[in-house]
Amino acid sequence: IIAAGLARGMTVQELTSFYTSIGPEMFQKERLLHRLR
């Protein structure tokens, strides 16, 4: 994810914002269980 973003010309801050915003949605256990169901 990071490599692709950098190769596209994104800044590190832009990618950090991506992780802080989408990270909980990707990995939070409650939402993970919802996806499994």
PDB file of all heavy atoms in Angstrom:
ATOM      1  N   ILE A   1       0.840  -1.195   0.000  1.00  0.00           N
ATOM      2  CA  ILE A   1       0.000   0.000   0.000  1.00  0.00           C
ATOM      3  C   ILE A   1       0.875   1.244   0.000  1.00  0.00           C
ATOM      4  O   ILE A   1       0.686   2.175  -0.799  1.00  0.00           O
ATOM      5  CB  ILE A   1      -0.936   0.020   1.228  1.00  0.00           C
ATOM      6  CG1 ILE A   1      -1.899  -1.170   1.207  1.00  0.00           C
ATOM      7  CG2 ILE A   1      -1.712   1.334   1.277  1.00  0.00           C
ATOM      8  CD1 ILE A   1      -2.780  -1.262   2.452  1.00  0.00           C
ATOM      9  N   ILE A   2       1.853   1.260   0.899  1.00  0.00           N
ATOM     10  CA  ILE A   2       2.734   2.419   1.016  1.00  0.00           C
ATOM     11  C   ILE A   2       3.578   2.591  -0.243  1.00  0.00           C
ATOM     12  O   ILE A   2       3.712   3.698  -0.767  1.00  0.00           O
ATOM     13  CB  ILE A   2       3.629   2.284   2.261  1.00  0.00           C
ATOM     14  CG1 ILE A   2       2.769   2.177   3.525  1.00  0.00           C
ATOM     15  CG2 ILE A   2       4.589   3.467   2.370  1.00  0.00           C
ATOM     16  CD1 ILE A   2       3.553   1.833   4.785  1.00  0.00           C
ATOM     17  N   ALA A   3       4.140   1.482  -0.742  1.00  0.00           N
ATOM     18  CA  ALA A   3       4.976   1.555  -1.940  1.00  0.00           C
ATOM     19  C   ALA A   3       4.189   2.093  -3.129  1.00  0.00           C
ATOM     20  O   ALA A   3       4.686   2.943  -3.882  1.00  0.00           O
ATOM     21  CB  ALA A   3       5.540   0.170  -2.260  1.00  0.00           C
ATOM     22  N   ALA A   4       2.967   1.604  -3.310  1.00  0.00           N
ATOM     23  CA  ALA A   4       2.136   2.065  -4.423  1.00  0.00           C
ATOM     24  C   ALA A   4       1.818   3.546  -4.283  1.00  0.00           C
ATOM     25  O   ALA A   4       1.861   4.303  -5.265  1.00  0.00           O
ATOM     26  CB  ALA A   4       0.854   1.244  -4.498  1.00  0.00           C
ATOM     27  N   GLY A   5       1.487   3.970  -3.064  1.00  0.00           N
ATOM     28  CA  GLY A   5       1.196   5.381  -2.846  1.00  0.00           C
ATOM     29  C   GLY A   5       2.393   6.260  -3.142  1.00  0.00           C
ATOM     30  O   GLY A   5       2.276   7.297  -3.803  1.00  0.00           O
ATOM     31  N   LEU A   6       3.575   5.853  -2.696  1.00  0.00           N
ATOM     32  CA  LEU A   6       4.781   6.627  -2.959  1.00  0.00           C
ATOM     33  C   LEU A   6       5.086   6.672  -4.448  1.00  0.00           C
ATOM     34  O   LEU A   6       5.462   7.725  -4.987  1.00  0.00           O
ATOM     35  CB  LEU A   6       5.968   6.039  -2.195  1.00  0.00           C
ATOM     36  CG  LEU A   6       5.892   6.076  -0.665  1.00  0.00           C
ATOM     37  CD1 LEU A   6       7.112   5.395  -0.056  1.00  0.00           C
ATOM     38  CD2 LEU A   6       5.765   7.504  -0.146  1.00  0.00           C
ATOM     39  N   ALA A   7       4.947   5.525  -5.121  1.00  0.00           N
ATOM     40  CA  ALA A   7       5.221   5.467  -6.560  1.00  0.00           C
ATOM     41  C   ALA A   7       4.238   6.316  -7.355  1.00  0.00           C
ATOM     42  O   ALA A   7       4.541   6.777  -8.459  1.00  0.00           O
ATOM     43  CB  ALA A   7       5.184   4.022  -7.050  1.00  0.00           C
ATOM     44  N   ARG A   8       3.054   6.532  -6.803  1.00  0.00           N
ATOM     45  CA  ARG A   8       2.066   7.397  -7.443  1.00  0.00           C
ATOM     46  C   ARG A   8       2.355   8.880  -7.200  1.00  0.00           C
ATOM     47  O   ARG A   8       1.761   9.748  -7.825  1.00  0.00           O
ATOM     48  CB  ARG A   8       0.667   7.069  -6.914  1.00  0.00           C
ATOM     49  CG  ARG A   8       0.062   5.812  -7.474  1.00  0.00           C
ATOM     50  CD  ARG A   8      -0.512   6.040  -8.864  1.00  0.00           C
ATOM     51  NE  ARG A   8      -1.726   6.863  -8.812  1.00  0.00           N
ATOM     52  CZ  ARG A   8      -2.208   7.547  -9.847  1.00  0.00           C
ATOM     53  NH1 ARG A   8      -1.566   7.535 -10.995  1.00  0.00           N
ATOM     54  NH2 ARG A   8      -3.323   8.257  -9.735  1.00  0.00           N
ATOM     55  N   GLY A   9       3.274   9.168  -6.272  1.00  0.00           N
ATOM     56  CA  GLY A   9       3.619  10.553  -5.992  1.00  0.00           C
ATOM     57  C   GLY A   9       2.992  11.116  -4.742  1.00  0.00           C
ATOM     58  O   GLY A   9       2.997  12.334  -4.528  1.00  0.00           O
ATOM     59  N   MET A  10       2.467  10.241  -3.870  1.00  0.00           N
ATOM     60  CA  MET A  10       1.872  10.713  -2.619  1.00  0.00           C
ATOM     61  C   MET A  10       2.958  11.065  -1.610  1.00  0.00           C
ATOM     62  O   MET A  10       4.059  10.515  -1.637  1.00  0.00           O
ATOM     63  CB  MET A  10       0.943   9.645  -2.039  1.00  0.00           C
ATOM     64  CG  MET A  10      -0.276   9.343  -2.888  1.00  0.00           C
ATOM     65  SD  MET A  10      -1.291   7.972  -2.224  1.00  0.00           S
ATOM     66  CE  MET A  10      -1.946   8.746  -0.720  1.00  0.00           C
ATOM     67  N   THR A  11       2.634  11.973  -0.691  1.00  0.00           N
ATOM     68  CA  THR A  11       3.543  12.287   0.406  1.00  0.00           C
ATOM     69  C   THR A  11       3.359  11.265   1.514  1.00  0.00           C
ATOM     70  O   THR A  11       2.351  10.562   1.582  1.00  0.00           O
ATOM     71  CB  THR A  11       3.260  13.692   0.980  1.00  0.00           C
ATOM     72  OG1 THR A  11       1.953  13.684   1.579  1.00  0.00           O
ATOM     73  CG2 THR A  11       3.319  14.750  -0.102  1.00  0.00           C
ATOM     74  N   VAL A  12       4.329  11.214   2.411  1.00  0.00           N
ATOM     75  CA  VAL A  12       4.209  10.317   3.565  1.00  0.00           C
ATOM     76  C   VAL A  12       3.026  10.739   4.433  1.00  0.00           C
ATOM     77  O   VAL A  12       2.296   9.901   4.963  1.00  0.00           O
ATOM     78  CB  VAL A  12       5.519  10.308   4.376  1.00  0.00           C
ATOM     79  CG1 VAL A  12       5.349   9.502   5.655  1.00  0.00           C
ATOM     80  CG2 VAL A  12       6.659   9.733   3.543  1.00  0.00           C
ATOM     81  N   GLN A  13       2.800  12.051   4.565  1.00  0.00           N
ATOM     82  CA  GLN A  13       1.681  12.528   5.383  1.00  0.00           C
ATOM     83  C   GLN A  13       0.346  12.081   4.799  1.00  0.00           C
ATOM     84  O   GLN A  13      -0.571  11.716   5.533  1.00  0.00           O
ATOM     85  CB  GLN A  13       1.721  14.053   5.495  1.00  0.00           C
ATOM     86  CG  GLN A  13       0.600  14.629   6.356  1.00  0.00           C
ATOM     87  CD  GLN A  13       0.526  14.016   7.740  1.00  0.00           C
ATOM     88  OE1 GLN A  13       1.530  13.983   8.462  1.00  0.00           O
ATOM     89  NE2 GLN A  13      -0.631  13.489   8.113  1.00  0.00           N
ATOM     90  N   GLU A  14       0.213  12.108   3.487  1.00  0.00           N
ATOM     91  CA  GLU A  14      -1.026  11.657   2.851  1.00  0.00           C
ATOM     92  C   GLU A  14      -1.279  10.181   3.154  1.00  0.00           C
ATOM     93  O   GLU A  14      -2.417   9.766   3.416  1.00  0.00           O
ATOM     94  CB  GLU A  14      -0.964  11.891   1.348  1.00  0.00           C
ATOM     95  CG  GLU A  14      -1.094  13.351   0.958  1.00  0.00           C
ATOM     96  CD  GLU A  14      -0.825  13.598  -0.515  1.00  0.00           C
ATOM     97  OE1 GLU A  14      -0.031  12.836  -1.112  1.00  0.00           O
ATOM     98  OE2 GLU A  14      -1.395  14.552  -1.068  1.00  0.00           O
ATOM     99  N   LEU A  15      -0.227   9.382   3.126  1.00  0.00           N
ATOM    100  CA  LEU A  15      -0.375   7.958   3.415  1.00  0.00           C
ATOM    101  C   LEU A  15      -0.643   7.725   4.897  1.00  0.00           C
ATOM    102  O   LEU A  15      -1.392   6.813   5.262  1.00  0.00           O
ATOM    103  CB  LEU A  15       0.879   7.205   2.971  1.00  0.00           C
ATOM    104  CG  LEU A  15       0.966   6.987   1.457  1.00  0.00           C
ATOM    105  CD1 LEU A  15       2.383   6.654   1.030  1.00  0.00           C
ATOM    106  CD2 LEU A  15       0.011   5.878   1.022  1.00  0.00           C
ATOM    107  N   THR A  16      -0.065   8.542   5.752  1.00  0.00           N
ATOM    108  CA  THR A  16      -0.347   8.436   7.184  1.00  0.00           C
ATOM    109  C   THR A  16      -1.820   8.728   7.454  1.00  0.00           C
ATOM    110  O   THR A  16      -2.466   8.038   8.254  1.00  0.00           O
ATOM    111  CB  THR A  16       0.545   9.400   7.980  1.00  0.00           C
ATOM    112  OG1 THR A  16       1.924   9.089   7.725  1.00  0.00           O
ATOM    113  CG2 THR A  16       0.289   9.276   9.474  1.00  0.00           C
ATOM    114  N   SER A  17      -2.353   9.722   6.783  1.00  0.00           N
ATOM    115  CA  SER A  17      -3.775  10.043   6.925  1.00  0.00           C
ATOM    116  C   SER A  17      -4.643   8.883   6.464  1.00  0.00           C
ATOM    117  O   SER A  17      -5.682   8.576   7.065  1.00  0.00           O
ATOM    118  CB  SER A  17      -4.110  11.305   6.129  1.00  0.00           C
ATOM    119  OG  SER A  17      -3.404  12.420   6.637  1.00  0.00           O
ATOM    120  N   PHE A  18      -4.215   8.213   5.386  1.00  0.00           N
ATOM    121  CA  PHE A  18      -4.931   7.036   4.895  1.00  0.00           C
ATOM    122  C   PHE A  18      -4.994   5.967   5.977  1.00  0.00           C
ATOM    123  O   PHE A  18      -6.065   5.411   6.256  1.00  0.00           O
ATOM    124  CB  PHE A  18      -4.219   6.498   3.649  1.00  0.00           C
ATOM    125  CG  PHE A  18      -4.760   5.185   3.131  1.00  0.00           C
ATOM    126  CD1 PHE A  18      -5.750   5.161   2.156  1.00  0.00           C
ATOM    127  CD2 PHE A  18      -4.280   3.970   3.608  1.00  0.00           C
ATOM    128  CE1 PHE A  18      -6.251   3.960   1.671  1.00  0.00           C
ATOM    129  CE2 PHE A  18      -4.769   2.770   3.131  1.00  0.00           C
ATOM    130  CZ  PHE A  18      -5.764   2.763   2.159  1.00  0.00           C
ATOM    131  N   TYR A  19      -3.873   5.700   6.634  1.00  0.00           N
ATOM    132  CA  TYR A  19      -3.821   4.640   7.652  1.00  0.00           C
ATOM    133  C   TYR A  19      -4.628   5.001   8.891  1.00  0.00           C
ATOM    134  O   TYR A  19      -5.309   4.159   9.462  1.00  0.00           O
ATOM    135  CB  TYR A  19      -2.364   4.352   8.038  1.00  0.00           C
ATOM    136  CG  TYR A  19      -1.749   3.265   7.192  1.00  0.00           C
ATOM    137  CD1 TYR A  19      -1.339   3.526   5.885  1.00  0.00           C
ATOM    138  CD2 TYR A  19      -1.591   1.970   7.656  1.00  0.00           C
ATOM    139  CE1 TYR A  19      -0.785   2.548   5.091  1.00  0.00           C
ATOM    140  CE2 TYR A  19      -1.030   0.969   6.873  1.00  0.00           C
ATOM    141  CZ  TYR A  19      -0.640   1.266   5.584  1.00  0.00           C
ATOM    142  OH  TYR A  19      -0.096   0.287   4.802  1.00  0.00           O
ATOM    143  N   THR A  20      -4.533   6.237   9.309  1.00  0.00           N
ATOM    144  CA  THR A  20      -5.249   6.610  10.528  1.00  0.00           C
ATOM    145  C   THR A  20      -6.760   6.640  10.306  1.00  0.00           C
ATOM    146  O   THR A  20      -7.532   6.434  11.241  1.00  0.00           O
ATOM    147  CB  THR A  20      -4.772   7.984  11.041  1.00  0.00           C
ATOM    148  OG1 THR A  20      -4.874   8.952   9.982  1.00  0.00           O
ATOM    149  CG2 THR A  20      -3.338   7.906  11.515  1.00  0.00           C
ATOM    150  N   SER A  21      -7.182   6.860   9.063  1.00  0.00           N
ATOM    151  CA  SER A  21      -8.622   6.908   8.790  1.00  0.00           C
ATOM    152  C   SER A  21      -9.201   5.542   8.472  1.00  0.00           C
ATOM    153  O   SER A  21     -10.270   5.173   8.972  1.00  0.00           O
ATOM    154  CB  SER A  21      -8.903   7.874   7.632  1.00  0.00           C
ATOM    155  OG  SER A  21      -8.283   7.425   6.436  1.00  0.00           O
ATOM    156  N   ILE A  22      -8.484   4.744   7.644  1.00  0.00           N
ATOM    157  CA  ILE A  22      -9.038   3.454   7.214  1.00  0.00           C
ATOM    158  C   ILE A  22      -8.572   2.308   8.093  1.00  0.00           C
ATOM    159  O   ILE A  22      -9.183   1.236   8.120  1.00  0.00           O
ATOM    160  CB  ILE A  22      -8.668   3.175   5.729  1.00  0.00           C
ATOM    161  CG1 ILE A  22      -9.457   1.985   5.162  1.00  0.00           C
ATOM    162  CG2 ILE A  22      -7.169   2.913   5.602  1.00  0.00           C
ATOM    163  CD1 ILE A  22     -10.946   2.172   5.161  1.00  0.00           C
ATOM    164  N   GLY A  23      -7.486   2.493   8.863  1.00  0.00           N
ATOM    165  CA  GLY A  23      -6.953   1.424   9.700  1.00  0.00           C
ATOM    166  C   GLY A  23      -7.969   0.794  10.629  1.00  0.00           C
ATOM    167  O   GLY A  23      -8.139  -0.434  10.649  1.00  0.00           O
ATOM    168  N   PRO A  24      -8.691   1.597  11.406  1.00  0.00           N
ATOM    169  CA  PRO A  24      -9.694   1.003  12.301  1.00  0.00           C
ATOM    170  C   PRO A  24     -10.769   0.226  11.544  1.00  0.00           C
ATOM    171  O   PRO A  24     -11.234  -0.816  12.006  1.00  0.00           O
ATOM    172  CB  PRO A  24     -10.275   2.241  12.998  1.00  0.00           C
ATOM    173  CG  PRO A  24      -9.176   3.244  12.976  1.00  0.00           C
ATOM    174  CD  PRO A  24      -8.504   3.036  11.645  1.00  0.00           C
ATOM    175  N   GLU A  25     -11.156   0.716  10.382  1.00  0.00           N
ATOM    176  CA  GLU A  25     -12.176   0.024   9.589  1.00  0.00           C
ATOM    177  C   GLU A  25     -11.660  -1.326   9.088  1.00  0.00           C
ATOM    178  O   GLU A  25     -12.390  -2.308   9.018  1.00  0.00           O
ATOM    179  CB  GLU A  25     -12.578   0.900   8.395  1.00  0.00           C
ATOM    180  CG  GLU A  25     -13.625   0.285   7.483  1.00  0.00           C
ATOM    181  CD  GLU A  25     -14.995   0.198   8.126  1.00  0.00           C
ATOM    182  OE1 GLU A  25     -15.275   0.982   9.058  1.00  0.00           O
ATOM    183  OE2 GLU A  25     -15.785  -0.658   7.701  1.00  0.00           O
ATOM    184  N   MET A  26     -10.374  -1.378   8.768  1.00  0.00           N
ATOM    185  CA  MET A  26      -9.793  -2.612   8.230  1.00  0.00           C
ATOM    186  C   MET A  26      -9.600  -3.674   9.303  1.00  0.00           C
ATOM    187  O   MET A  26      -9.830  -4.852   9.069  1.00  0.00           O
ATOM    188  CB  MET A  26      -8.438  -2.314   7.569  1.00  0.00           C
ATOM    189  CG  MET A  26      -8.519  -1.589   6.244  1.00  0.00           C
ATOM    190  SD  MET A  26      -6.923  -1.589   5.395  1.00  0.00           S
ATOM    191  CE  MET A  26      -5.934  -0.542   6.450  1.00  0.00           C
ATOM    192  N   PHE A  27      -9.136  -3.253  10.491  1.00  0.00           N
ATOM    193  CA  PHE A  27      -8.651  -4.234  11.454  1.00  0.00           C
ATOM    194  C   PHE A  27      -9.414  -4.318  12.767  1.00  0.00           C
ATOM    195  O   PHE A  27      -9.168  -5.226  13.550  1.00  0.00           O
ATOM    196  CB  PHE A  27      -7.175  -3.948  11.768  1.00  0.00           C
ATOM    197  CG  PHE A  27      -6.262  -4.182  10.604  1.00  0.00           C
ATOM    198  CD1 PHE A  27      -5.740  -3.115   9.889  1.00  0.00           C
ATOM    199  CD2 PHE A  27      -5.939  -5.459  10.196  1.00  0.00           C
ATOM    200  CE1 PHE A  27      -4.895  -3.316   8.815  1.00  0.00           C
ATOM    201  CE2 PHE A  27      -5.099  -5.675   9.121  1.00  0.00           C
ATOM    202  CZ  PHE A  27      -4.584  -4.601   8.431  1.00  0.00           C
ATOM    203  N   GLN A  28     -10.317  -3.372  13.034  1.00  0.00           N
ATOM    204  CA  GLN A  28     -11.006  -3.414  14.321  1.00  0.00           C
ATOM    205  C   GLN A  28     -11.831  -4.693  14.447  1.00  0.00           C
ATOM    206  O   GLN A  28     -12.574  -5.060  13.546  1.00  0.00           O
ATOM    207  CB  GLN A  28     -11.922  -2.198  14.465  1.00  0.00           C
ATOM    208  CG  GLN A  28     -12.357  -1.948  15.890  1.00  0.00           C
ATOM    209  CD  GLN A  28     -13.018  -0.588  16.034  1.00  0.00           C
ATOM    210  OE1 GLN A  28     -13.737  -0.151  15.144  1.00  0.00           O
ATOM    211  NE2 GLN A  28     -12.766   0.093  17.140  1.00  0.00           N
ATOM    212  N   LYS A  29     -11.693  -5.376  15.576  1.00  0.00           N
ATOM    213  CA  LYS A  29     -12.285  -6.710  15.723  1.00  0.00           C
ATOM    214  C   LYS A  29     -13.802  -6.696  15.544  1.00  0.00           C
ATOM    215  O   LYS A  29     -14.360  -7.591  14.905  1.00  0.00           O
ATOM    216  CB  LYS A  29     -11.918  -7.290  17.095  1.00  0.00           C
ATOM    217  CG  LYS A  29     -10.469  -7.759  17.183  1.00  0.00           C
ATOM    218  CD  LYS A  29     -10.205  -8.411  18.514  1.00  0.00           C
ATOM    219  CE  LYS A  29      -8.830  -9.076  18.538  1.00  0.00           C
ATOM    220  NZ  LYS A  29      -7.753  -8.094  18.367  1.00  0.00           N
ATOM    221  N   GLU A  30     -14.485  -5.687  16.093  1.00  0.00           N
ATOM    222  CA  GLU A  30     -15.938  -5.668  15.964  1.00  0.00           C
ATOM    223  C   GLU A  30     -16.360  -5.608  14.505  1.00  0.00           C
ATOM    224  O   GLU A  30     -17.280  -6.295  14.066  1.00  0.00           O
ATOM    225  CB  GLU A  30     -16.522  -4.468  16.735  1.00  0.00           C
ATOM    226  CG  GLU A  30     -16.362  -4.576  18.245  1.00  0.00           C
ATOM    227  CD  GLU A  30     -14.984  -4.115  18.715  1.00  0.00           C
ATOM    228  OE1 GLU A  30     -14.146  -3.750  17.846  1.00  0.00           O
ATOM    229  OE2 GLU A  30     -14.731  -4.130  19.934  1.00  0.00           O
ATOM    230  N   ARG A  31     -15.690  -4.783  13.725  1.00  0.00           N
ATOM    231  CA  ARG A  31     -16.039  -4.647  12.318  1.00  0.00           C
ATOM    232  C   ARG A  31     -15.597  -5.875  11.535  1.00  0.00           C
ATOM    233  O   ARG A  31     -16.221  -6.248  10.556  1.00  0.00           O
ATOM    234  CB  ARG A  31     -15.417  -3.373  11.769  1.00  0.00           C
ATOM    235  CG  ARG A  31     -15.983  -2.133  12.463  1.00  0.00           C
ATOM    236  CD  ARG A  31     -15.350  -0.858  11.972  1.00  0.00           C
ATOM    237  NE  ARG A  31     -15.839   0.276  12.761  1.00  0.00           N
ATOM    238  CZ  ARG A  31     -15.489   1.535  12.543  1.00  0.00           C
ATOM    239  NH1 ARG A  31     -14.654   1.832  11.581  1.00  0.00           N
ATOM    240  NH2 ARG A  31     -15.970   2.506  13.300  1.00  0.00           N
ATOM    241  N   LEU A  32     -14.511  -6.493  11.964  1.00  0.00           N
ATOM    242  CA  LEU A  32     -14.067  -7.730  11.332  1.00  0.00           C
ATOM    243  C   LEU A  32     -15.124  -8.810  11.493  1.00  0.00           C
ATOM    244  O   LEU A  32     -15.472  -9.510  10.530  1.00  0.00           O
ATOM    245  CB  LEU A  32     -12.744  -8.177  11.950  1.00  0.00           C
ATOM    246  CG  LEU A  32     -12.247  -9.576  11.567  1.00  0.00           C
ATOM    247  CD1 LEU A  32     -12.002  -9.645  10.064  1.00  0.00           C
ATOM    248  CD2 LEU A  32     -10.980  -9.913  12.330  1.00  0.00           C
ATOM    249  N   LEU A  33     -15.682  -8.945  12.688  1.00  0.00           N
ATOM    250  CA  LEU A  33     -16.725  -9.948  12.923  1.00  0.00           C
ATOM    251  C   LEU A  33     -17.954  -9.664  12.070  1.00  0.00           C
ATOM    252  O   LEU A  33     -18.600 -10.579  11.557  1.00  0.00           O
ATOM    253  CB  LEU A  33     -17.093  -9.973  14.409  1.00  0.00           C
ATOM    254  CG  LEU A  33     -16.017 -10.536  15.345  1.00  0.00           C
ATOM    255  CD1 LEU A  33     -16.433 -10.331  16.802  1.00  0.00           C
ATOM    256  CD2 LEU A  33     -15.777 -12.012  15.074  1.00  0.00           C
ATOM    257  N   HIS A  34     -18.262  -8.379  11.882  1.00  0.00           N
ATOM    258  CA  HIS A  34     -19.394  -8.017  11.034  1.00  0.00           C
ATOM    259  C   HIS A  34     -19.161  -8.496   9.604  1.00  0.00           C
ATOM    260  O   HIS A  34     -20.059  -9.034   8.958  1.00  0.00           O
ATOM    261  CB  HIS A  34     -19.600  -6.500  11.057  1.00  0.00           C
ATOM    262  CG  HIS A  34     -20.641  -6.023  10.088  1.00  0.00           C
ATOM    263  ND1 HIS A  34     -21.992  -6.158  10.322  1.00  0.00           N
ATOM    264  CD2 HIS A  34     -20.528  -5.433   8.867  1.00  0.00           C
ATOM    265  CE1 HIS A  34     -22.666  -5.659   9.293  1.00  0.00           C
ATOM    266  NE2 HIS A  34     -21.798  -5.211   8.407  1.00  0.00           N
ATOM    267  N   ARG A  35     -17.917  -8.318   9.100  1.00  0.00           N
ATOM    268  CA  ARG A  35     -17.621  -8.751   7.735  1.00  0.00           C
ATOM    269  C   ARG A  35     -17.685 -10.268   7.621  1.00  0.00           C
ATOM    270  O   ARG A  35     -18.127 -10.805   6.611  1.00  0.00           O
ATOM    271  CB  ARG A  35     -16.235  -8.244   7.312  1.00  0.00           C
ATOM    272  CG  ARG A  35     -16.165  -6.750   7.139  1.00  0.00           C
ATOM    273  CD  ARG A  35     -15.046  -6.351   6.207  1.00  0.00           C
ATOM    274  NE  ARG A  35     -13.739  -6.786   6.643  1.00  0.00           N
ATOM    275  CZ  ARG A  35     -12.986  -6.122   7.494  1.00  0.00           C
ATOM    276  NH1 ARG A  35     -13.431  -5.011   8.036  1.00  0.00           N
ATOM    277  NH2 ARG A  35     -11.794  -6.564   7.822  1.00  0.00           N
ATOM    278  N   LEU A  36     -17.225 -10.960   8.665  1.00  0.00           N
ATOM    279  CA  LEU A  36     -17.269 -12.418   8.627  1.00  0.00           C
ATOM    280  C   LEU A  36     -18.709 -12.918   8.561  1.00  0.00           C
ATOM    281  O   LEU A  36     -19.029 -13.848   7.814  1.00  0.00           O
ATOM    282  CB  LEU A  36     -16.560 -12.990   9.858  1.00  0.00           C
ATOM    283  CG  LEU A  36     -15.035 -12.873   9.877  1.00  0.00           C
ATOM    284  CD1 LEU A  36     -14.494 -13.297  11.233  1.00  0.00           C
ATOM    285  CD2 LEU A  36     -14.417 -13.698   8.769  1.00  0.00           C
ATOM    286  N   ARG A  37     -19.599 -12.278   9.338  1.00  0.00           N
ATOM    287  CA  ARG A  37     -21.006 -12.687   9.311  1.00  0.00           C
ATOM    288  C   ARG A  37     -21.626 -12.436   7.941  1.00  0.00           C
ATOM    289  O   ARG A  37     -22.551 -13.124   7.528  1.00  0.00           O
ATOM    290  CB  ARG A  37     -21.786 -11.910  10.370  1.00  0.00           C
ATOM    291  CG  ARG A  37     -21.403 -12.243  11.803  1.00  0.00           C
ATOM    292  CD  ARG A  37     -22.427 -11.656  12.771  1.00  0.00           C
ATOM    293  NE  ARG A  37     -21.881 -11.585  14.114  1.00  0.00           N
ATOM    294  CZ  ARG A  37     -21.395 -10.474  14.671  1.00  0.00           C
ATOM    295  NH1 ARG A  37     -21.401  -9.348  13.986  1.00  0.00           N
ATOM    296  NH2 ARG A  37     -20.926 -10.487  15.903  1.00  0.00           N
TER     297      ARG A  37
END
